[in-house]
Amino acid sequence: MPISEKVQRAWKAGTAVLTAFTSFYCLFYIDYGPQEHVFSDLQRWYRNKMDNMLGIDLNKAKQIASQQQEGIARRTGGDDKEGDGRR
């Protein structure tokens, strides 16, 4: 039973969309480990663009995290080695 032209067009369009999504995900989201790899520069560029678009400032986030760690250390008497508030 042959497939109609309409179904063939829909199948081709679906395949193209799925291929584009898979390529995008592989380029920008998959973690290939700590070493430099062929997609490292693209991933850094994409993450910087997304951070800028969403208004995320990594320096500010690091500063806030360090202030929170200092506050935890002060409250626990400085015995906190992991920074999770436990002794």
N, C-alpha and C. Protein backbone atom coordinates (compact mmCIF):
# COMPACT_ATOMS: atom_id res chain seq x y z
N MET A 1 0.85 -1.18 0.00
CA MET A 1 0.00 0.00 0.00
C MET A 1 0.89 1.24 0.00
N PRO A 2 0.88 1.99 -1.08
CA PRO A 2 1.71 3.20 -1.17
C PRO A 2 1.19 4.30 -0.25
N ILE A 3 2.12 5.12 0.19
CA ILE A 3 1.78 6.24 1.08
C ILE A 3 1.43 7.44 0.21
N SER A 4 0.39 8.16 0.59
CA SER A 4 -0.05 9.32 -0.19
C SER A 4 0.99 10.45 -0.11
N GLU A 5 0.92 11.35 -1.06
CA GLU A 5 1.86 12.48 -1.11
C GLU A 5 1.74 13.37 0.12
N LYS A 6 0.55 13.53 0.63
CA LYS A 6 0.32 14.37 1.81
C LYS A 6 1.03 13.77 3.03
N VAL A 7 0.92 12.47 3.19
CA VAL A 7 1.59 11.80 4.32
C VAL A 7 3.10 11.86 4.15
N GLN A 8 3.57 11.69 2.91
CA GLN A 8 5.01 11.78 2.65
C GLN A 8 5.56 13.16 3.00
N ARG A 9 4.84 14.21 2.62
CA ARG A 9 5.26 15.58 2.96
C ARG A 9 5.30 15.79 4.46
N ALA A 10 4.26 15.30 5.15
CA ALA A 10 4.22 15.44 6.61
C ALA A 10 5.38 14.68 7.25
N TRP A 11 5.67 13.49 6.74
CA TRP A 11 6.77 12.68 7.27
C TRP A 11 8.11 13.39 7.07
N LYS A 12 8.32 13.97 5.88
CA LYS A 12 9.56 14.69 5.60
C LYS A 12 9.69 15.92 6.49
N ALA A 13 8.61 16.64 6.68
CA ALA A 13 8.64 17.83 7.54
C ALA A 13 8.94 17.44 8.98
N GLY A 14 8.30 16.41 9.46
CA GLY A 14 8.55 15.93 10.83
C GLY A 14 9.99 15.47 11.01
N THR A 15 10.50 14.78 10.01
CA THR A 15 11.88 14.32 10.07
C THR A 15 12.84 15.50 10.09
N ALA A 16 12.58 16.52 9.29
CA ALA A 16 13.44 17.71 9.25
C ALA A 16 13.44 18.44 10.59
N VAL A 17 12.27 18.58 11.19
CA VAL A 17 12.17 19.25 12.49
C VAL A 17 12.90 18.45 13.56
N LEU A 18 12.69 17.15 13.59
CA LEU A 18 13.34 16.29 14.57
C LEU A 18 14.87 16.30 14.40
N THR A 19 15.34 16.29 13.17
CA THR A 19 16.77 16.35 12.90
C THR A 19 17.36 17.68 13.36
N ALA A 20 16.66 18.78 13.08
CA ALA A 20 17.14 20.10 13.50
C ALA A 20 17.20 20.19 15.02
N PHE A 21 16.18 19.71 15.71
CA PHE A 21 16.17 19.75 17.18
C PHE A 21 17.30 18.91 17.75
N THR A 22 17.50 17.72 17.21
CA THR A 22 18.56 16.84 17.70
C THR A 22 19.93 17.47 17.49
N SER A 23 20.15 18.08 16.35
CA SER A 23 21.43 18.75 16.07
C SER A 23 21.65 19.91 17.04
N PHE A 24 20.63 20.73 17.25
CA PHE A 24 20.71 21.85 18.18
C PHE A 24 21.06 21.37 19.58
N TYR A 25 20.38 20.33 20.03
CA TYR A 25 20.61 19.80 21.37
C TYR A 25 22.03 19.26 21.49
N CYS A 26 22.48 18.51 20.50
CA CYS A 26 23.84 17.94 20.54
C CYS A 26 24.90 19.03 20.53
N LEU A 27 24.68 20.09 19.79
CA LEU A 27 25.67 21.17 19.71
C LEU A 27 25.76 21.97 21.01
N PHE A 28 24.61 22.32 21.58
CA PHE A 28 24.62 23.30 22.65
C PHE A 28 24.36 22.77 24.06
N TYR A 29 23.82 21.58 24.23
CA TYR A 29 23.43 21.14 25.56
C TYR A 29 24.15 19.90 26.09
N ILE A 30 24.61 19.02 25.23
CA ILE A 30 25.24 17.80 25.72
C ILE A 30 26.58 18.13 26.36
N ASP A 31 26.84 17.54 27.53
CA ASP A 31 28.10 17.72 28.24
C ASP A 31 29.06 16.62 27.78
N TYR A 32 30.12 17.02 27.11
CA TYR A 32 31.10 16.06 26.59
C TYR A 32 32.27 15.85 27.55
N GLY A 33 32.15 16.30 28.77
CA GLY A 33 33.21 16.13 29.76
C GLY A 33 33.98 17.42 30.00
N PRO A 34 34.91 17.38 30.94
CA PRO A 34 35.63 18.60 31.33
C PRO A 34 36.68 19.06 30.32
N GLN A 35 37.15 18.18 29.46
CA GLN A 35 38.19 18.56 28.50
C GLN A 35 37.60 19.42 27.38
N GLU A 36 38.49 20.18 26.73
CA GLU A 36 38.07 20.97 25.57
C GLU A 36 37.69 20.02 24.44
N HIS A 37 36.68 20.36 23.70
CA HIS A 37 36.24 19.55 22.57
C HIS A 37 35.82 20.47 21.44
N VAL A 38 35.43 19.89 20.35
CA VAL A 38 35.14 20.67 19.14
C VAL A 38 33.98 21.65 19.33
N PHE A 39 33.06 21.36 20.25
CA PHE A 39 31.90 22.22 20.45
C PHE A 39 32.06 23.18 21.63
N SER A 40 33.21 23.19 22.30
CA SER A 40 33.41 24.02 23.49
C SER A 40 33.14 25.50 23.23
N ASP A 41 33.73 26.02 22.16
CA ASP A 41 33.55 27.45 21.86
C ASP A 41 32.09 27.78 21.56
N LEU A 42 31.43 26.93 20.78
CA LEU A 42 30.01 27.16 20.47
C LEU A 42 29.15 27.11 21.73
N GLN A 43 29.43 26.16 22.61
CA GLN A 43 28.64 26.04 23.84
C GLN A 43 28.86 27.24 24.74
N ARG A 44 30.13 27.70 24.87
CA ARG A 44 30.38 28.89 25.69
C ARG A 44 29.66 30.12 25.12
N TRP A 45 29.74 30.30 23.79
CA TRP A 45 29.07 31.43 23.14
C TRP A 45 27.56 31.37 23.39
N TYR A 46 26.97 30.20 23.19
CA TYR A 46 25.52 30.05 23.38
C TYR A 46 25.12 30.32 24.82
N ARG A 47 25.86 29.79 25.78
CA ARG A 47 25.52 30.00 27.20
C ARG A 47 25.66 31.46 27.59
N ASN A 48 26.69 32.15 27.07
CA ASN A 48 26.83 33.58 27.34
C ASN A 48 25.67 34.37 26.75
N LYS A 49 25.27 34.03 25.53
CA LYS A 49 24.14 34.72 24.91
C LYS A 49 22.85 34.49 25.69
N MET A 50 22.63 33.26 26.13
CA MET A 50 21.42 32.95 26.92
C MET A 50 21.44 33.68 28.26
N ASP A 51 22.61 33.70 28.92
CA ASP A 51 22.73 34.42 30.19
C ASP A 51 22.44 35.90 30.00
N ASN A 52 22.99 36.49 28.95
CA ASN A 52 22.74 37.92 28.68
C ASN A 52 21.27 38.17 28.38
N MET A 53 20.66 37.29 27.60
CA MET A 53 19.25 37.47 27.24
C MET A 53 18.35 37.36 28.48
N LEU A 54 18.70 36.47 29.40
CA LEU A 54 17.89 36.27 30.60
C LEU A 54 18.28 37.19 31.74
N GLY A 55 19.34 37.98 31.54
CA GLY A 55 19.77 38.93 32.56
C GLY A 55 20.54 38.29 33.70
N ILE A 56 21.22 37.20 33.43
CA ILE A 56 21.98 36.50 34.45
C ILE A 56 23.41 37.02 34.42
N ASP A 57 23.89 37.47 35.59
CA ASP A 57 25.26 37.96 35.72
C ASP A 57 26.02 36.95 36.58
N LEU A 58 26.94 36.20 35.98
CA LEU A 58 27.65 35.15 36.71
C LEU A 58 28.51 35.71 37.84
N ASN A 59 29.11 36.86 37.64
CA ASN A 59 29.91 37.46 38.70
C ASN A 59 29.04 37.79 39.91
N LYS A 60 27.86 38.32 39.65
CA LYS A 60 26.93 38.65 40.74
C LYS A 60 26.47 37.37 41.44
N ALA A 61 26.20 36.32 40.68
CA ALA A 61 25.77 35.05 41.27
C ALA A 61 26.86 34.46 42.15
N LYS A 62 28.12 34.53 41.71
CA LYS A 62 29.24 34.02 42.53
C LYS A 62 29.38 34.84 43.81
N GLN A 63 29.19 36.16 43.69
CA GLN A 63 29.29 37.03 44.86
C GLN A 63 28.20 36.69 45.87
N ILE A 64 26.99 36.47 45.42
CA ILE A 64 25.88 36.11 46.30
C ILE A 64 26.15 34.77 46.96
N ALA A 65 26.64 33.80 46.21
CA ALA A 65 26.94 32.47 46.77
C ALA A 65 28.01 32.58 47.84
N SER A 66 29.05 33.38 47.61
CA SER A 66 30.10 33.51 48.61
C SER A 66 29.58 34.22 49.86
N GLN A 67 28.69 35.20 49.70
CA GLN A 67 28.09 35.87 50.86
C GLN A 67 27.24 34.90 51.66
N GLN A 68 26.52 34.02 50.97
CA GLN A 68 25.71 33.03 51.67
C GLN A 68 26.60 32.06 52.44
N GLN A 69 27.72 31.65 51.84
CA GLN A 69 28.64 30.74 52.51
C GLN A 69 29.23 31.40 53.76
N GLU A 70 29.58 32.69 53.66
CA GLU A 70 30.10 33.41 54.82
C GLU A 70 29.07 33.49 55.93
N GLY A 71 27.82 33.72 55.55
CA GLY A 71 26.74 33.79 56.54
C GLY A 71 26.54 32.45 57.23
N ILE A 72 26.60 31.37 56.50
CA ILE A 72 26.47 30.03 57.09
C ILE A 72 27.62 29.76 58.03
N ALA A 73 28.84 30.11 57.62
CA ALA A 73 30.02 29.89 58.46
C ALA A 73 29.91 30.68 59.76
N ARG A 74 29.40 31.91 59.67
CA ARG A 74 29.26 32.72 60.89
C ARG A 74 28.22 32.13 61.83
N ARG A 75 27.10 31.66 61.26
CA ARG A 75 26.03 31.11 62.10
C ARG A 75 26.44 29.80 62.76
N THR A 76 27.29 29.01 62.11
CA THR A 76 27.67 27.71 62.64
C THR A 76 28.98 27.75 63.40
N GLY A 77 29.56 28.91 63.54
CA GLY A 77 30.79 29.04 64.29
C GLY A 77 32.04 28.71 63.49
N GLY A 78 31.92 28.63 62.19
CA GLY A 78 33.08 28.37 61.35
C GLY A 78 33.45 26.91 61.21
N ASP A 79 32.66 25.98 61.79
CA ASP A 79 32.97 24.56 61.70
C ASP A 79 32.45 23.92 60.43
N ASP A 80 31.81 24.67 59.61
CA ASP A 80 31.17 24.16 58.41
C ASP A 80 32.22 23.96 57.32
N LYS A 81 32.54 22.71 57.00
CA LYS A 81 33.56 22.44 56.01
C LYS A 81 32.99 22.32 54.60
N GLU A 82 31.81 21.75 54.45
CA GLU A 82 31.21 21.59 53.15
C GLU A 82 30.38 22.79 52.71
N GLY A 83 30.03 23.66 53.62
CA GLY A 83 29.25 24.82 53.27
C GLY A 83 27.77 24.52 53.19
N ASP A 84 27.32 23.41 53.80
CA ASP A 84 25.92 23.07 53.72
C ASP A 84 25.19 23.33 55.04
N GLY A 85 25.89 23.93 56.02
CA GLY A 85 25.23 24.27 57.27
C GLY A 85 25.29 23.19 58.32
N ARG A 86 25.89 22.04 57.99
CA ARG A 86 25.99 20.94 58.96
C ARG A 86 27.36 20.92 59.57
N ARG A 87 27.45 20.40 60.80
CA ARG A 87 28.74 20.27 61.48
C ARG A 87 29.22 18.86 61.43
